[in-house]
Protein backbone atom coordinates (compact mmCIF):
# COMPACT_ATOMS: atom_id res chain seq x y z
CA MET A 1 -1.89 -13.02 10.87
CA ARG A 2 -3.78 -14.46 7.75
CA LYS A 3 -5.56 -11.66 6.16
CA THR A 4 -8.50 -14.04 7.04
CA THR A 5 -8.25 -13.85 11.06
CA LEU A 6 -7.38 -10.36 10.33
CA PHE A 7 -10.69 -9.80 8.64
CA LYS A 8 -12.64 -11.86 11.12
CA ARG A 9 -11.01 -9.95 14.38
CA LEU A 10 -12.21 -6.46 12.63
CA VAL A 11 -15.65 -7.79 11.85
CA LEU A 12 -15.98 -8.71 16.00
CA ASP A 13 -13.80 -5.88 17.59
CA ARG A 14 -16.29 -2.98 19.34
CA HIS A 15 -15.34 -0.68 17.06
CA ILE A 16 -16.91 -0.34 13.38
CA LEU A 17 -15.39 -1.66 10.33
CA VAL A 18 -15.29 0.81 7.86
CA MET A 19 -14.85 -0.81 4.30
CA PRO A 20 -14.98 1.81 1.26
CA GLY A 21 -15.40 0.53 -2.28
CA ALA A 22 -12.43 -0.16 -4.73
CA TYR A 23 -13.16 -0.28 -8.96
CA ASP A 24 -9.62 -2.22 -9.36
CA ALA A 25 -6.32 -2.28 -8.43
CA LEU A 26 -5.67 1.29 -8.49
CA SER A 27 -8.58 2.82 -6.43
CA ALA A 28 -7.55 -0.88 -4.20
CA LYS A 29 -4.12 1.66 -2.84
CA ILE A 30 -5.87 3.98 -2.45
CA ILE A 31 -7.76 3.03 0.15
CA GLU A 32 -5.09 1.09 1.39
CA GLN A 33 -2.50 4.50 0.98
CA THR A 34 -5.46 6.81 3.06
CA GLY A 35 -5.53 4.13 6.24
CA PHE A 36 -8.46 2.19 5.76
CA LYS A 37 -7.68 -1.50 7.09
CA ALA A 38 -9.61 -3.15 5.07
CA LEU A 39 -11.23 -2.96 1.44
CA ALA A 40 -15.16 -4.21 -0.61
CA VAL A 41 -15.06 -4.92 -4.71
CA GLY A 42 -19.15 -5.17 -5.26
CA GLY A 43 -20.72 -5.45 -8.05
CA TYR A 44 -21.80 -2.62 -8.71
CA ALA A 45 -18.74 -0.61 -9.04
CA VAL A 46 -16.95 -3.73 -11.12
CA SER A 47 -19.38 -3.70 -13.60
CA ALA A 48 -18.75 0.03 -14.67
CA SER A 49 -14.85 -0.68 -14.97
CA TYR A 50 -14.53 -4.05 -16.16
CA LEU A 51 -17.11 -3.98 -18.84
CA GLY A 52 -18.50 -0.50 -18.68
CA LYS A 53 -21.92 -1.69 -17.79
CA PRO A 54 -24.69 -1.46 -14.97
CA ASP A 55 -24.55 -3.87 -12.21
CA ILE A 56 -28.00 -6.14 -13.17
CA GLY A 57 -25.82 -9.36 -14.24
CA LEU A 58 -23.80 -8.92 -16.21
CA LEU A 59 -20.31 -10.19 -14.61
CA THR A 60 -19.17 -13.53 -15.31
CA LEU A 61 -17.62 -15.93 -12.70
CA THR A 62 -14.01 -15.56 -14.38
CA GLU A 63 -14.07 -12.13 -15.06
CA MET A 64 -15.19 -11.34 -11.53
CA VAL A 65 -12.63 -13.52 -9.97
CA ASP A 66 -9.86 -12.78 -12.39
CA HIS A 67 -10.51 -9.13 -11.25
CA ILE A 68 -10.78 -9.79 -6.86
CA ALA A 69 -7.60 -11.07 -7.14
CA ARG A 70 -5.71 -8.02 -9.32
CA ILE A 71 -6.88 -6.06 -6.55
CA ALA A 72 -5.59 -8.50 -4.17
CA ASP A 73 -2.63 -8.77 -4.93
CA ALA A 74 -2.74 -4.87 -5.67
CA VAL A 75 -2.42 -4.76 -1.41
CA ASN A 76 -1.37 -5.83 1.88
CA ILE A 77 -5.24 -5.07 3.35
CA PRO A 78 -7.91 -8.03 3.90
CA VAL A 79 -10.47 -7.52 0.80
CA PHE A 80 -14.68 -8.35 0.87
CA ALA A 81 -15.62 -9.32 -2.06
CA ASP A 82 -18.83 -10.41 -4.02
CA GLY A 83 -20.10 -13.52 -4.50
CA ASP A 84 -22.87 -12.71 -6.41
CA THR A 85 -26.19 -15.05 -5.97
CA GLY A 86 -23.22 -17.52 -5.97
CA HIS A 87 -23.86 -18.43 -10.32
CA GLY A 88 -26.14 -20.14 -9.67
CA ASN A 89 -27.57 -24.08 -7.32
CA ALA A 90 -25.66 -25.15 -3.92
CA THR A 91 -23.16 -26.64 -6.47
CA ASN A 92 -22.55 -23.41 -8.70
CA VAL A 93 -21.89 -21.55 -4.26
CA ILE A 94 -19.27 -25.19 -4.19
CA ARG A 95 -16.67 -23.80 -6.99
CA THR A 96 -17.16 -19.94 -6.36
CA VAL A 97 -16.34 -20.09 -3.35
CA LYS A 98 -13.26 -21.36 -4.34
CA GLU A 99 -12.44 -19.91 -6.96
CA ILE A 100 -12.85 -16.64 -4.29
CA GLU A 101 -10.57 -17.49 -1.61
CA ARG A 102 -8.62 -19.20 -4.69
CA THR A 103 -8.06 -14.98 -5.04
CA GLY A 104 -6.37 -14.18 -1.89
CA ALA A 105 -9.37 -11.75 -0.77
CA ALA A 106 -10.70 -12.69 3.77
CA ALA A 107 -14.11 -12.43 2.98
CA MET A 108 -17.42 -12.61 0.60
CA PHE A 109 -20.66 -12.41 0.71
CA LEU A 110 -23.79 -14.31 -0.50
CA GLU A 111 -27.13 -13.02 -1.68
CA ASP A 112 -31.29 -14.37 -1.79
CA GLN A 113 -32.15 -12.47 -5.37
CA LEU A 114 -33.06 -14.37 -8.14
CA PHE A 115 -30.92 -14.42 -11.69
CA PRO A 116 -29.75 -12.13 -13.68
CA LYS A 117 -29.97 -9.95 -10.31
CA ARG A 118 -29.27 -6.27 -10.02
CA CYS A 119 -28.11 -3.34 -7.31
CA GLY A 120 -30.03 -3.87 -4.16
CA HIS A 121 -30.91 -0.22 -4.67
CA MET A 122 -32.45 -0.62 -7.81
CA GLU A 123 -36.30 -1.51 -8.38
CA GLY A 124 -37.80 -4.70 -10.04
CA LYS A 125 -35.60 -7.65 -7.88
CA SER A 126 -37.16 -10.94 -7.24
CA VAL A 127 -36.30 -13.40 -4.26
CA ILE A 128 -35.77 -16.93 -3.99
CA PRO A 129 -36.85 -18.96 -1.23
CA ALA A 130 -35.85 -18.87 2.14
CA GLN A 131 -34.79 -22.48 1.84
CA GLU A 132 -32.77 -22.34 -1.77
CA MET A 133 -30.19 -19.68 -0.37
CA ILE A 134 -30.07 -21.43 3.26
CA ALA A 135 -28.64 -24.58 1.14
CA LYS A 136 -26.61 -22.29 -0.60
CA ILE A 137 -24.89 -21.07 2.79
CA LYS A 138 -24.49 -24.68 4.24
CA ALA A 139 -22.62 -25.25 0.83
CA ALA A 140 -20.34 -22.27 1.22
CA VAL A 141 -20.23 -23.10 4.36
CA ASP A 142 -19.31 -26.49 3.66
CA ALA A 143 -16.82 -25.45 0.60
CA ARG A 144 -14.10 -22.90 1.96
CA THR A 145 -10.62 -24.48 3.64
CA ASP A 146 -10.17 -22.04 5.70
CA GLN A 147 -12.54 -21.45 8.55
CA ASP A 148 -11.57 -17.95 8.74
CA PHE A 149 -12.63 -17.13 5.38
CA VAL A 150 -15.61 -14.75 6.73
CA ILE A 151 -19.13 -15.65 4.54
CA MET A 152 -21.92 -13.06 4.82
CA ALA A 153 -25.07 -13.68 3.77
CA ARG A 154 -27.36 -10.50 2.41
CA THR A 155 -30.90 -11.03 2.05
CA ASP A 156 -33.11 -7.93 -0.30
CA SER A 157 -36.84 -8.94 0.97
CA LEU A 158 -37.48 -6.17 2.85
CA ALA A 159 -38.12 -4.05 -0.59
CA LEU A 160 -40.34 -6.91 -1.26
CA HIS A 161 -41.79 -8.63 1.68
CA GLY A 162 -40.89 -5.43 4.49
CA VAL A 163 -38.84 -6.13 7.52
CA ASP A 164 -39.85 -8.87 9.61
CA GLU A 165 -39.96 -11.03 7.22
CA ALA A 166 -35.80 -9.86 6.15
CA ILE A 167 -34.81 -10.11 9.38
CA ASP A 168 -36.15 -13.69 9.78
CA ARG A 169 -34.41 -14.48 6.67
CA ALA A 170 -31.42 -13.00 8.34
CA ASN A 171 -31.46 -15.01 11.06
CA CYS A 172 -32.26 -18.41 9.75
CA TYR A 173 -29.46 -17.36 7.24
CA ARG A 174 -27.10 -17.07 10.26
CA GLU A 175 -28.51 -20.41 11.88
CA ALA A 176 -27.50 -21.90 8.17
CA GLY A 177 -23.84 -20.73 8.87
CA ALA A 178 -23.32 -17.14 7.78
CA ASP A 179 -20.47 -15.78 10.39
CA MET A 180 -21.76 -12.15 9.14
CA ILE A 181 -25.46 -10.52 7.94
CA PHE A 182 -26.64 -7.93 5.28
CA VAL A 183 -30.16 -6.98 4.95
CA GLU A 184 -30.24 -4.57 1.50
CA ALA A 185 -32.03 -1.12 1.48
CA PRO A 186 -33.68 -0.19 5.10
CA THR A 187 -35.53 3.44 4.33
CA THR A 188 -35.37 4.81 7.44
CA ILE A 189 -33.43 4.67 9.94
CA SER A 190 -35.95 2.85 12.44
CA GLU A 191 -35.71 -0.21 9.94
CA MET A 192 -31.98 -0.51 10.51
CA ARG A 193 -32.94 0.10 14.30
CA ARG A 194 -34.53 -3.29 14.09
CA ILE A 195 -33.09 -4.63 12.18
CA THR A 196 -29.13 -4.92 14.85
CA GLY A 197 -32.08 -5.18 18.00
CA ARG A 198 -33.09 -8.78 16.22
CA VAL A 199 -30.50 -10.02 13.74
CA LYS A 200 -28.40 -12.48 16.11
CA ALA A 201 -25.15 -11.43 13.92
CA PRO A 202 -22.90 -8.93 13.02
CA THR A 203 -24.42 -6.71 10.50
CA MET A 204 -23.73 -4.25 7.59
CA ALA A 205 -24.62 -1.60 6.56
CA ASN A 206 -24.11 0.64 3.22
CA ASN A 207 -24.06 3.15 2.32
CA VAL A 208 -24.77 4.55 -1.33
CA GLU A 209 -25.29 7.57 -2.27
CA GLY A 210 -28.00 8.41 -3.86
CA GLY A 211 -29.82 4.98 -2.35
CA LYS A 212 -32.40 4.01 -0.40
CA THR A 213 -30.96 3.47 2.85
CA PRO A 214 -30.02 6.68 5.01
CA VAL A 215 -26.18 7.70 4.72
CA LEU A 216 -24.63 8.01 7.63
CA SER A 217 -21.83 8.18 9.53
CA ALA A 218 -19.42 5.63 11.01
CA GLY A 219 -19.95 6.61 14.58
CA GLU A 220 -24.49 7.02 14.21
CA LEU A 221 -23.93 3.09 12.46
CA GLU A 222 -22.09 2.52 14.88
CA ALA A 223 -24.10 3.79 17.19
CA ILE A 224 -27.22 1.80 16.01
CA GLY A 225 -25.48 -1.36 16.33
CA TYR A 226 -23.96 -1.45 12.74
CA SER A 227 -20.38 -4.05 13.12
CA VAL A 228 -18.95 -2.76 9.61
CA VAL A 229 -20.29 0.33 6.88
CA ALA A 230 -19.15 -0.13 3.45
CA PHE A 231 -19.27 2.42 1.01
CA PRO A 232 -19.21 0.88 -2.56
CA THR A 233 -19.71 3.02 -4.58
CA SER A 234 -17.75 7.15 -2.86
CA ALA A 235 -14.66 5.36 -5.40
CA VAL A 236 -16.27 5.01 -8.74
CA TYR A 237 -18.55 8.40 -8.47
CA ALA A 238 -16.36 10.58 -7.24
CA SER A 239 -13.49 9.62 -10.18
CA SER A 240 -16.24 9.06 -12.78
CA LEU A 241 -16.84 12.93 -11.96
CA ALA A 242 -13.08 14.13 -11.84
CA LEU A 243 -12.65 12.32 -15.58
CA THR A 244 -15.12 14.08 -16.40
CA GLY A 245 -14.48 17.84 -15.52
CA VAL A 246 -10.85 16.82 -16.70
CA MET A 247 -11.80 15.19 -20.10
CA LYS A 248 -14.31 18.16 -21.46
CA ALA A 249 -11.84 20.93 -19.24
CA ILE A 250 -9.16 19.13 -22.52
CA PHE A 251 -11.88 19.00 -24.81
CA GLU A 252 -13.13 22.15 -24.14
CA ASP A 253 -9.71 24.26 -24.21
CA GLY A 254 -7.22 22.26 -25.48
CA THR A 255 -5.66 21.70 -22.13
CA SER A 256 -5.42 20.01 -19.00
CA GLU A 257 -4.10 23.73 -17.35
CA ALA A 258 -7.73 24.13 -15.23
CA PHE A 259 -7.48 20.85 -14.00
CA GLN A 260 -3.86 20.97 -12.74
CA ALA A 261 -4.62 21.57 -9.29
CA GLN A 262 -6.68 18.45 -8.53
CA MET A 263 -3.73 15.38 -10.56
CA MET A 264 -1.26 14.10 -9.54
CA ARG A 265 1.72 15.19 -10.98
CA PHE A 266 4.11 12.53 -13.07
CA GLU A 267 6.91 11.95 -10.02
CA GLU A 268 4.31 12.17 -7.65
CA PHE A 269 1.90 9.37 -9.17
CA ASN A 270 5.04 7.23 -9.80
CA ARG A 271 6.31 7.76 -5.85
CA PHE A 272 2.14 6.78 -5.26
CA ILE A 273 2.96 3.37 -7.86
CA GLY A 274 5.51 2.18 -5.98
CA LEU A 275 8.33 2.95 -8.65
CA ALA A 276 11.26 2.80 -6.77
CA SER A 277 10.83 0.16 -4.48
CA ILE A 278 10.43 -1.88 -8.17
CA ARG A 279 13.65 -0.19 -9.39
CA SER A 280 14.79 -0.77 -5.64
CA GLU A 281 14.23 -4.75 -5.84
CA GLU A 282 15.23 -5.19 -9.19
CA GLN A 283 18.80 -3.54 -8.69
CA LYS A 284 19.58 -6.32 -6.42
CA TYR A 285 20.36 -8.26 -9.03
CA TYR A 286 22.57 -6.34 -10.74
CA ASP A 287 23.84 -5.68 -7.63
CA GLY A 288 25.93 -9.57 -7.39
CA SER A 289 29.24 -11.32 -6.13
CA ALA A 290 32.48 -9.80 -7.57
CA CYS A 291 32.67 -12.96 -9.50
CA ALA A 292 29.52 -12.03 -11.06
CA ARG A 293 30.90 -8.89 -11.33
CA SER A 294 34.42 -9.92 -13.62
CA CYS A 295 32.54 -12.55 -15.56
CA GLY A 296 30.01 -10.22 -16.64
CA GLU A 297 33.05 -7.54 -17.79
CA LYS A 298 34.64 -10.82 -20.31
């Protein structure tokens, strides 16, 4: 089954799809080996890992596409990619969709913020007119080559114009062809219920630790009516804290001994990263026929 088809089925399944966010190929492999069925690649975590910068629209299309491609190549589960604002108008969106689809991602989303955008839980956001976003969605739908390649529309209008306009925009975006809807940054459970009750499409919740939206369990979100929940920042926040701790220990003590219980060791990491399977694949090219062996001996 194509990853696009699988992802679409997971979205439409009666159980909520839980998608952690990967910030690089290594974090993606950890997510996959833990057992998750899909993962997300968002601009917030990639900006931090790729540029060491905040999510304020600094990533270019080519940088993001390169990063998504490396992650999609590292895992066998569907990858849900951040298409940002589409990197321009409807014409730019066409190229953005084609480039992201070529990475091997199974799905992507576009948002209605004014460029340069910023993280949806930051202050000072602006949104483009709904008609401009509708044009982008129509262009995106026409640009995809695989009809199972899921395109999600995100609206950041709730923070500026309230939940009712956000819901109206969401339904307009659905009518324009979006497969899934994401109303960013509701601040109460009541708003979340209104969104899932009135938006006529599968909806996604966003669990950002310390963000504007209440962080609820997958079960609670499923009961509210969400089809998907992303944890876009969990991996980058956890790894940042862990790295800070071990680096402080080495700096202050001259050794990582205090962190040994919280670290993989050499052989354990080699097993995790797949060294044995690569060596096995490599060896088959040297285990040739008797003729090849005899030629090699001459």
